[in-house]
Amino acid sequence: MSASKLIAGVISNIAIFGVLLFLPAGTLNWWHGWIFLAVAAVGTVVSTVSIYRVNKAVLAERFKPPLQKGQPLVDKIIVTLLITELVGLIVFIPLDVFRFHFMRPPGPLASLLGLVLFIAGWWIITLTLRENAFAAPVVKHLAEKHQKVIDTGVYSVVRHPMYAGIAPLLIGMALWLQSFTAALLAIAPIITLAVRIVFEEEFLRRKLKGYKEYTRRVRYRLIPFIW
């Protein structure tokens, strides 16, 4: 992947976040939103550089579209639902903060905790992509790349560390941006991720040599000692 394409991807991701947040808000006077974008921008740059240094291949894979040729139909349906839920959640936050006011906004401590959760979730995702060169955005067997089971680093803790990072990231984002209701609604995409885990594991058990043995060594899918 060229540096120019990488930079363009980073800038476009931040721009999309900004549009989805500030357009529904109807105002630029939202300091929580600006701090969030700044943290997301810094996090994206640091994460991208960190991953690029140790695992360039995964960045090229992650920049591919979420719907691909040869992707199982079930995964296409799940991914489409997940993208819809994620975009809906982001757009809902400013609508709730500036218009709906369904619940009282989080206090300073809860809001700050949200920012910590967001950063922690982002870092878990970064560690995942540093560790796994086969972390494609779709469920598929990368036979041409000699895909193998990854059981080191964060993969020695849970079998799906990227999804484990997405959960606190979404809840934390909602809390920092002042919407308790959105934090509760974040359960919807988290449940969708859990459904995808079940499908993905069944696929990997059939297609990826050694995955069954890996599930015996690492017992938990998403949350240590729980599931």
C-alpha atoms as a PDB file:
ATOM      1  CA  MET A   1       0.000   0.000   0.000  1.00  0.00           C
ATOM      2  CA  SER A   2       1.391   3.403  -1.008  1.00  0.00           C
ATOM      3  CA  ALA A   3       1.882   6.161   1.567  1.00  0.00           C
ATOM      4  CA  SER A   4      -0.440   8.482  -0.367  1.00  0.00           C
ATOM      5  CA  LYS A   5      -3.273   5.942  -0.313  1.00  0.00           C
ATOM      6  CA  LEU A   6      -2.704   5.374   3.385  1.00  0.00           C
ATOM      7  CA  ILE A   7      -2.811   9.108   4.150  1.00  0.00           C
ATOM      8  CA  ALA A   8      -5.920   9.550   2.008  1.00  0.00           C
ATOM      9  CA  GLY A   9      -7.607   6.696   3.860  1.00  0.00           C
ATOM     10  CA  VAL A  10      -6.815   8.193   7.266  1.00  0.00           C
ATOM     11  CA  ILE A  11      -8.071  11.648   6.248  1.00  0.00           C
ATOM     12  CA  SER A  12     -11.256  10.262   4.687  1.00  0.00           C
ATOM     13  CA  ASN A  13     -12.066   8.211   7.803  1.00  0.00           C
ATOM     14  CA  ILE A  14     -11.777  11.262  10.059  1.00  0.00           C
ATOM     15  CA  ALA A  15     -13.784  13.376   7.585  1.00  0.00           C
ATOM     16  CA  ILE A  16     -16.587  10.783   7.557  1.00  0.00           C
ATOM     17  CA  PHE A  17     -16.664  10.796  11.362  1.00  0.00           C
ATOM     18  CA  GLY A  18     -16.870  14.579  11.342  1.00  0.00           C
ATOM     19  CA  VAL A  19     -19.735  14.715   8.841  1.00  0.00           C
ATOM     20  CA  LEU A  20     -21.747  12.024  10.640  1.00  0.00           C
ATOM     21  CA  LEU A  21     -21.394  13.863  13.933  1.00  0.00           C
ATOM     22  CA  PHE A  22     -21.566  17.567  13.114  1.00  0.00           C
ATOM     23  CA  LEU A  23     -24.099  17.558  10.275  1.00  0.00           C
ATOM     24  CA  PRO A  24     -26.911  16.075  12.434  1.00  0.00           C
ATOM     25  CA  ALA A  25     -25.801  18.317  15.304  1.00  0.00           C
ATOM     26  CA  GLY A  26     -26.491  21.379  13.156  1.00  0.00           C
ATOM     27  CA  THR A  27     -23.738  23.310  14.898  1.00  0.00           C
ATOM     28  CA  LEU A  28     -19.968  23.440  15.173  1.00  0.00           C
ATOM     29  CA  ASN A  29     -20.205  24.619  18.785  1.00  0.00           C
ATOM     30  CA  TRP A  30     -19.654  21.201  20.353  1.00  0.00           C
ATOM     31  CA  TRP A  31     -16.397  20.902  22.233  1.00  0.00           C
ATOM     32  CA  HIS A  32     -16.965  17.254  23.144  1.00  0.00           C
ATOM     33  CA  GLY A  33     -17.261  16.533  19.431  1.00  0.00           C
ATOM     34  CA  TRP A  34     -14.071  18.409  18.549  1.00  0.00           C
ATOM     35  CA  ILE A  35     -12.062  16.681  21.272  1.00  0.00           C
ATOM     36  CA  PHE A  36     -13.441  13.349  20.108  1.00  0.00           C
ATOM     37  CA  LEU A  37     -12.358  14.060  16.518  1.00  0.00           C
ATOM     38  CA  ALA A  38      -8.927  15.165  17.711  1.00  0.00           C
ATOM     39  CA  VAL A  39      -8.473  11.985  19.769  1.00  0.00           C
ATOM     40  CA  ALA A  40      -9.733   9.867  16.865  1.00  0.00           C
ATOM     41  CA  ALA A  41      -7.354  11.622  14.461  1.00  0.00           C
ATOM     42  CA  VAL A  42      -4.327  11.163  16.719  1.00  0.00           C
ATOM     43  CA  GLY A  43      -5.365   7.590  17.466  1.00  0.00           C
ATOM     44  CA  THR A  44      -5.759   6.804  13.768  1.00  0.00           C
ATOM     45  CA  VAL A  45      -2.324   8.191  12.898  1.00  0.00           C
ATOM     46  CA  VAL A  46      -0.559   6.476  15.814  1.00  0.00           C
ATOM     47  CA  SER A  47      -2.394   3.214  15.167  1.00  0.00           C
ATOM     48  CA  THR A  48      -1.699   3.259  11.425  1.00  0.00           C
ATOM     49  CA  VAL A  49       2.010   4.005  11.879  1.00  0.00           C
ATOM     50  CA  SER A  50       2.282   1.346  14.579  1.00  0.00           C
ATOM     51  CA  ILE A  51       0.626  -1.294  12.389  1.00  0.00           C
ATOM     52  CA  TYR A  52       2.535  -0.245   9.263  1.00  0.00           C
ATOM     53  CA  ARG A  53       5.867  -0.818  10.976  1.00  0.00           C
ATOM     54  CA  VAL A  54       5.170  -4.452  11.853  1.00  0.00           C
ATOM     55  CA  ASN A  55       2.329  -5.632   9.630  1.00  0.00           C
ATOM     56  CA  LYS A  56       1.911  -3.750   6.341  1.00  0.00           C
ATOM     57  CA  ALA A  57      -0.096  -6.521   4.704  1.00  0.00           C
ATOM     58  CA  VAL A  58      -3.040  -6.191   7.068  1.00  0.00           C
ATOM     59  CA  LEU A  59      -3.523  -2.500   6.213  1.00  0.00           C
ATOM     60  CA  ALA A  60      -3.970  -3.349   2.533  1.00  0.00           C
ATOM     61  CA  GLU A  61      -6.483  -6.013   3.550  1.00  0.00           C
ATOM     62  CA  ARG A  62      -8.411  -3.664   5.852  1.00  0.00           C
ATOM     63  CA  PHE A  63      -8.745  -1.032   3.112  1.00  0.00           C
ATOM     64  CA  LYS A  64     -10.670  -3.459   0.925  1.00  0.00           C
ATOM     65  CA  PRO A  65     -14.488  -3.022   0.778  1.00  0.00           C
ATOM     66  CA  PRO A  66     -16.617  -4.704   3.473  1.00  0.00           C
ATOM     67  CA  LEU A  67     -18.558  -6.618   0.799  1.00  0.00           C
ATOM     68  CA  GLN A  68     -16.407  -8.737  -1.492  1.00  0.00           C
ATOM     69  CA  LYS A  69     -16.704 -11.367  -4.198  1.00  0.00           C
ATOM     70  CA  GLY A  70     -16.758 -14.877  -2.766  1.00  0.00           C
ATOM     71  CA  GLN A  71     -17.834 -13.671   0.674  1.00  0.00           C
ATOM     72  CA  PRO A  72     -20.506 -15.954   2.190  1.00  0.00           C
ATOM     73  CA  LEU A  73     -24.024 -14.529   1.813  1.00  0.00           C
ATOM     74  CA  VAL A  74     -24.649 -14.783   5.550  1.00  0.00           C
ATOM     75  CA  ASP A  75     -21.593 -12.623   6.240  1.00  0.00           C
ATOM     76  CA  LYS A  76     -22.723 -10.064   3.650  1.00  0.00           C
ATOM     77  CA  ILE A  77     -26.059  -9.777   5.455  1.00  0.00           C
ATOM     78  CA  ILE A  78     -24.411  -9.496   8.870  1.00  0.00           C
ATOM     79  CA  VAL A  79     -21.877  -6.902   7.669  1.00  0.00           C
ATOM     80  CA  THR A  80     -24.583  -4.805   5.999  1.00  0.00           C
ATOM     81  CA  LEU A  81     -26.611  -4.849   9.216  1.00  0.00           C
ATOM     82  CA  LEU A  82     -23.539  -3.998  11.270  1.00  0.00           C
ATOM     83  CA  ILE A  83     -22.574  -1.026   9.089  1.00  0.00           C
ATOM     84  CA  THR A  84     -26.156   0.251   9.249  1.00  0.00           C
ATOM     85  CA  GLU A  85     -26.142  -0.020  13.046  1.00  0.00           C
ATOM     86  CA  LEU A  86     -22.767   1.690  13.411  1.00  0.00           C
ATOM     87  CA  VAL A  87     -23.657   4.609  11.140  1.00  0.00           C
ATOM     88  CA  GLY A  88     -27.051   4.891  12.818  1.00  0.00           C
ATOM     89  CA  LEU A  89     -25.435   4.968  16.250  1.00  0.00           C
ATOM     90  CA  ILE A  90     -23.002   7.726  15.305  1.00  0.00           C
ATOM     91  CA  VAL A  91     -25.738   9.848  13.719  1.00  0.00           C
ATOM     92  CA  PHE A  92     -28.079   9.249  16.672  1.00  0.00           C
ATOM     93  CA  ILE A  93     -25.612  10.677  19.198  1.00  0.00           C
ATOM     94  CA  PRO A  94     -25.748  14.339  18.033  1.00  0.00           C
ATOM     95  CA  LEU A  95     -29.488  14.050  17.416  1.00  0.00           C
ATOM     96  CA  ASP A  96     -29.963  12.939  21.020  1.00  0.00           C
ATOM     97  CA  VAL A  97     -27.540  15.512  22.442  1.00  0.00           C
ATOM     98  CA  PHE A  98     -28.964  18.514  20.571  1.00  0.00           C
ATOM     99  CA  ARG A  99     -32.585  17.539  19.904  1.00  0.00           C
ATOM    100  CA  PHE A 100     -34.101  14.460  21.570  1.00  0.00           C
ATOM    101  CA  HIS A 101     -32.610  14.532  25.109  1.00  0.00           C
ATOM    102  CA  PHE A 102     -34.022  11.060  25.866  1.00  0.00           C
ATOM    103  CA  MET A 103     -31.961  10.756  29.062  1.00  0.00           C
ATOM    104  CA  ARG A 104     -29.927  13.069  31.246  1.00  0.00           C
ATOM    105  CA  PRO A 105     -26.381  13.453  29.893  1.00  0.00           C
ATOM    106  CA  PRO A 106     -23.523  11.641  31.662  1.00  0.00           C
ATOM    107  CA  GLY A 107     -21.731  13.561  34.394  1.00  0.00           C
ATOM    108  CA  PRO A 108     -18.068  14.593  34.081  1.00  0.00           C
ATOM    109  CA  LEU A 109     -16.710  11.354  35.574  1.00  0.00           C
ATOM    110  CA  ALA A 110     -18.889   9.088  33.423  1.00  0.00           C
ATOM    111  CA  SER A 111     -18.034  11.159  30.365  1.00  0.00           C
ATOM    112  CA  LEU A 112     -14.299  10.985  31.103  1.00  0.00           C
ATOM    113  CA  LEU A 113     -14.612   7.233  31.670  1.00  0.00           C
ATOM    114  CA  GLY A 114     -16.165   7.063  28.216  1.00  0.00           C
ATOM    115  CA  LEU A 115     -13.115   8.716  26.663  1.00  0.00           C
ATOM    116  CA  VAL A 116     -10.854   6.246  28.484  1.00  0.00           C
ATOM    117  CA  LEU A 117     -12.963   3.327  27.209  1.00  0.00           C
ATOM    118  CA  PHE A 118     -12.827   4.698  23.664  1.00  0.00           C
ATOM    119  CA  ILE A 119      -9.025   4.958  23.746  1.00  0.00           C
ATOM    120  CA  ALA A 120      -8.680   1.518  25.375  1.00  0.00           C
ATOM    121  CA  GLY A 121     -10.912  -0.061  22.730  1.00  0.00           C
ATOM    122  CA  TRP A 122      -8.939   1.622  19.960  1.00  0.00           C
ATOM    123  CA  TRP A 123      -5.664   0.317  21.393  1.00  0.00           C
ATOM    124  CA  ILE A 124      -7.001  -3.245  21.646  1.00  0.00           C
ATOM    125  CA  ILE A 125      -7.969  -3.068  17.974  1.00  0.00           C
ATOM    126  CA  THR A 126      -4.498  -1.758  17.138  1.00  0.00           C
ATOM    127  CA  LEU A 127      -2.852  -4.625  19.018  1.00  0.00           C
ATOM    128  CA  THR A 128      -5.079  -7.047  17.116  1.00  0.00           C
ATOM    129  CA  LEU A 129      -4.055  -5.701  13.717  1.00  0.00           C
ATOM    130  CA  ARG A 130      -0.389  -5.666  14.721  1.00  0.00           C
ATOM    131  CA  GLU A 131      -0.645  -9.332  15.666  1.00  0.00           C
ATOM    132  CA  ASN A 132      -2.751 -10.755  12.856  1.00  0.00           C
ATOM    133  CA  ALA A 133      -1.771 -10.281   9.217  1.00  0.00           C
ATOM    134  CA  PHE A 134      -4.920 -12.187   8.188  1.00  0.00           C
ATOM    135  CA  ALA A 135      -7.445  -9.848   9.859  1.00  0.00           C
ATOM    136  CA  ALA A 136      -9.620  -9.325   6.787  1.00  0.00           C
ATOM    137  CA  PRO A 137     -12.799  -7.219   7.008  1.00  0.00           C
ATOM    138  CA  VAL A 138     -14.819 -10.163   5.666  1.00  0.00           C
ATOM    139  CA  VAL A 139     -15.106 -13.802   6.669  1.00  0.00           C
ATOM    140  CA  LYS A 140     -12.917 -15.738   4.259  1.00  0.00           C
ATOM    141  CA  HIS A 141     -10.035 -18.200   4.128  1.00  0.00           C
ATOM    142  CA  LEU A 142      -6.876 -16.532   2.793  1.00  0.00           C
ATOM    143  CA  ALA A 143      -5.430 -19.711   1.318  1.00  0.00           C
ATOM    144  CA  GLU A 144      -3.300 -17.778  -1.190  1.00  0.00           C
ATOM    145  CA  LYS A 145      -1.577 -16.072   1.751  1.00  0.00           C
ATOM    146  CA  HIS A 146      -1.081 -19.344   3.620  1.00  0.00           C
ATOM    147  CA  GLN A 147      -3.371 -18.271   6.438  1.00  0.00           C
ATOM    148  CA  LYS A 148      -2.644 -19.869   9.795  1.00  0.00           C
ATOM    149  CA  VAL A 149      -4.102 -19.690  13.283  1.00  0.00           C
ATOM    150  CA  ILE A 150      -2.840 -16.738  15.323  1.00  0.00           C
ATOM    151  CA  ASP A 151      -2.685 -17.546  19.034  1.00  0.00           C
ATOM    152  CA  THR A 152      -0.171 -15.009  20.349  1.00  0.00           C
ATOM    153  CA  GLY A 153      -0.556 -11.579  21.936  1.00  0.00           C
ATOM    154  CA  VAL A 154      -4.169 -10.528  22.427  1.00  0.00           C
ATOM    155  CA  TYR A 155      -5.261 -13.741  20.671  1.00  0.00           C
ATOM    156  CA  SER A 156      -4.009 -15.687  23.679  1.00  0.00           C
ATOM    157  CA  VAL A 157      -6.602 -13.898  25.834  1.00  0.00           C
ATOM    158  CA  VAL A 158      -9.748 -14.066  23.683  1.00  0.00           C
ATOM    159  CA  ARG A 159     -10.390 -15.502  20.233  1.00  0.00           C
ATOM    160  CA  HIS A 160     -11.848 -12.284  18.808  1.00  0.00           C
ATOM    161  CA  PRO A 161      -9.878  -9.384  20.327  1.00  0.00           C
ATOM    162  CA  MET A 162     -10.875  -6.907  17.618  1.00  0.00           C
ATOM    163  CA  TYR A 163     -14.546  -7.322  18.493  1.00  0.00           C
ATOM    164  CA  ALA A 164     -13.585  -7.139  22.175  1.00  0.00           C
ATOM    165  CA  GLY A 165     -12.069  -3.725  21.434  1.00  0.00           C
ATOM    166  CA  ILE A 166     -15.057  -2.481  19.452  1.00  0.00           C
ATOM    167  CA  ALA A 167     -17.421  -2.942  22.420  1.00  0.00           C
ATOM    168  CA  PRO A 168     -15.745  -0.441  24.825  1.00  0.00           C
ATOM    169  CA  LEU A 169     -14.975   1.842  21.880  1.00  0.00           C
ATOM    170  CA  LEU A 170     -18.669   2.219  20.993  1.00  0.00           C
ATOM    171  CA  ILE A 171     -19.896   2.571  24.570  1.00  0.00           C
ATOM    172  CA  GLY A 172     -17.073   4.964  25.408  1.00  0.00           C
ATOM    173  CA  MET A 173     -17.774   7.104  22.344  1.00  0.00           C
ATOM    174  CA  ALA A 174     -21.408   7.519  23.357  1.00  0.00           C
ATOM    175  CA  LEU A 175     -20.575   8.385  26.980  1.00  0.00           C
ATOM    176  CA  TRP A 176     -17.918  10.947  26.062  1.00  0.00           C
ATOM    177  CA  LEU A 177     -20.249  12.581  23.521  1.00  0.00           C
ATOM    178  CA  GLN A 178     -22.905  12.933  26.230  1.00  0.00           C
ATOM    179  CA  SER A 179     -25.545  10.347  25.327  1.00  0.00           C
ATOM    180  CA  PHE A 180     -26.501   7.639  27.827  1.00  0.00           C
ATOM    181  CA  THR A 181     -29.176   6.479  25.388  1.00  0.00           C
ATOM    182  CA  ALA A 182     -26.596   5.876  22.650  1.00  0.00           C
ATOM    183  CA  ALA A 183     -24.442   3.951  25.134  1.00  0.00           C
ATOM    184  CA  LEU A 184     -27.406   1.623  25.678  1.00  0.00           C
ATOM    185  CA  LEU A 185     -28.127   1.404  21.941  1.00  0.00           C
ATOM    186  CA  ALA A 186     -24.508   0.329  21.395  1.00  0.00           C
ATOM    187  CA  ILE A 187     -25.674  -3.070  22.621  1.00  0.00           C
ATOM    188  CA  ALA A 188     -27.299  -3.626  19.191  1.00  0.00           C
ATOM    189  CA  PRO A 189     -24.072  -3.674  17.101  1.00  0.00           C
ATOM    190  CA  ILE A 190     -22.317  -5.584  19.905  1.00  0.00           C
ATOM    191  CA  ILE A 191     -24.984  -8.302  19.660  1.00  0.00           C
ATOM    192  CA  THR A 192     -24.554  -8.337  15.881  1.00  0.00           C
ATOM    193  CA  LEU A 193     -20.813  -8.844  16.400  1.00  0.00           C
ATOM    194  CA  ALA A 194     -21.580 -11.751  18.725  1.00  0.00           C
ATOM    195  CA  VAL A 195     -23.764 -13.320  16.022  1.00  0.00           C
ATOM    196  CA  ARG A 196     -20.940 -12.851  13.519  1.00  0.00           C
ATOM    197  CA  ILE A 197     -18.519 -14.549  15.906  1.00  0.00           C
ATOM    198  CA  VAL A 198     -20.674 -17.685  15.960  1.00  0.00           C
ATOM    199  CA  PHE A 199     -20.832 -17.779  12.143  1.00  0.00           C
ATOM    200  CA  GLU A 200     -17.147 -16.899  11.727  1.00  0.00           C
ATOM    201  CA  GLU A 201     -16.021 -19.623  14.120  1.00  0.00           C
ATOM    202  CA  GLU A 202     -18.083 -22.250  12.361  1.00  0.00           C
ATOM    203  CA  PHE A 203     -16.495 -21.166   9.071  1.00  0.00           C
ATOM    204  CA  LEU A 204     -12.962 -21.238  10.493  1.00  0.00           C
ATOM    205  CA  ARG A 205     -13.455 -24.656  12.076  1.00  0.00           C
ATOM    206  CA  ARG A 206     -14.262 -26.023   8.624  1.00  0.00           C
ATOM    207  CA  LYS A 207     -11.695 -24.093   6.592  1.00  0.00           C
ATOM    208  CA  LEU A 208      -8.686 -23.244   8.779  1.00  0.00           C
ATOM    209  CA  LYS A 209      -6.378 -26.021   9.936  1.00  0.00           C
ATOM    210  CA  GLY A 210      -5.730 -25.926  13.669  1.00  0.00           C
ATOM    211  CA  TYR A 211      -8.639 -23.662  14.573  1.00  0.00           C
ATOM    212  CA  LYS A 212     -10.516 -26.364  16.505  1.00  0.00           C
ATOM    213  CA  GLU A 213      -7.453 -26.955  18.659  1.00  0.00           C
ATOM    214  CA  TYR A 214      -7.109 -23.188  19.166  1.00  0.00           C
ATOM    215  CA  THR A 215     -10.664 -22.953  20.529  1.00  0.00           C
ATOM    216  CA  ARG A 216      -9.731 -25.556  23.126  1.00  0.00           C
ATOM    217  CA  ARG A 217      -6.620 -23.657  24.203  1.00  0.00           C
ATOM    218  CA  VAL A 218      -8.297 -20.229  24.333  1.00  0.00           C
ATOM    219  CA  ARG A 219     -11.715 -20.790  25.837  1.00  0.00           C
ATOM    220  CA  TYR A 220     -13.273 -17.343  25.623  1.00  0.00           C
ATOM    221  CA  ARG A 221     -14.548 -15.686  22.471  1.00  0.00           C
ATOM    222  CA  LEU A 222     -15.097 -12.078  23.512  1.00  0.00           C
ATOM    223  CA  ILE A 223     -14.969 -11.468  27.281  1.00  0.00           C
ATOM    224  CA  PRO A 224     -12.517 -13.361  29.534  1.00  0.00           C
ATOM    225  CA  PHE A 225     -14.219 -15.683  32.060  1.00  0.00           C
ATOM    226  CA  ILE A 226     -17.678 -14.860  30.644  1.00  0.00           C
ATOM    227  CA  TRP A 227     -18.032 -15.804  26.945  1.00  0.00           C
END
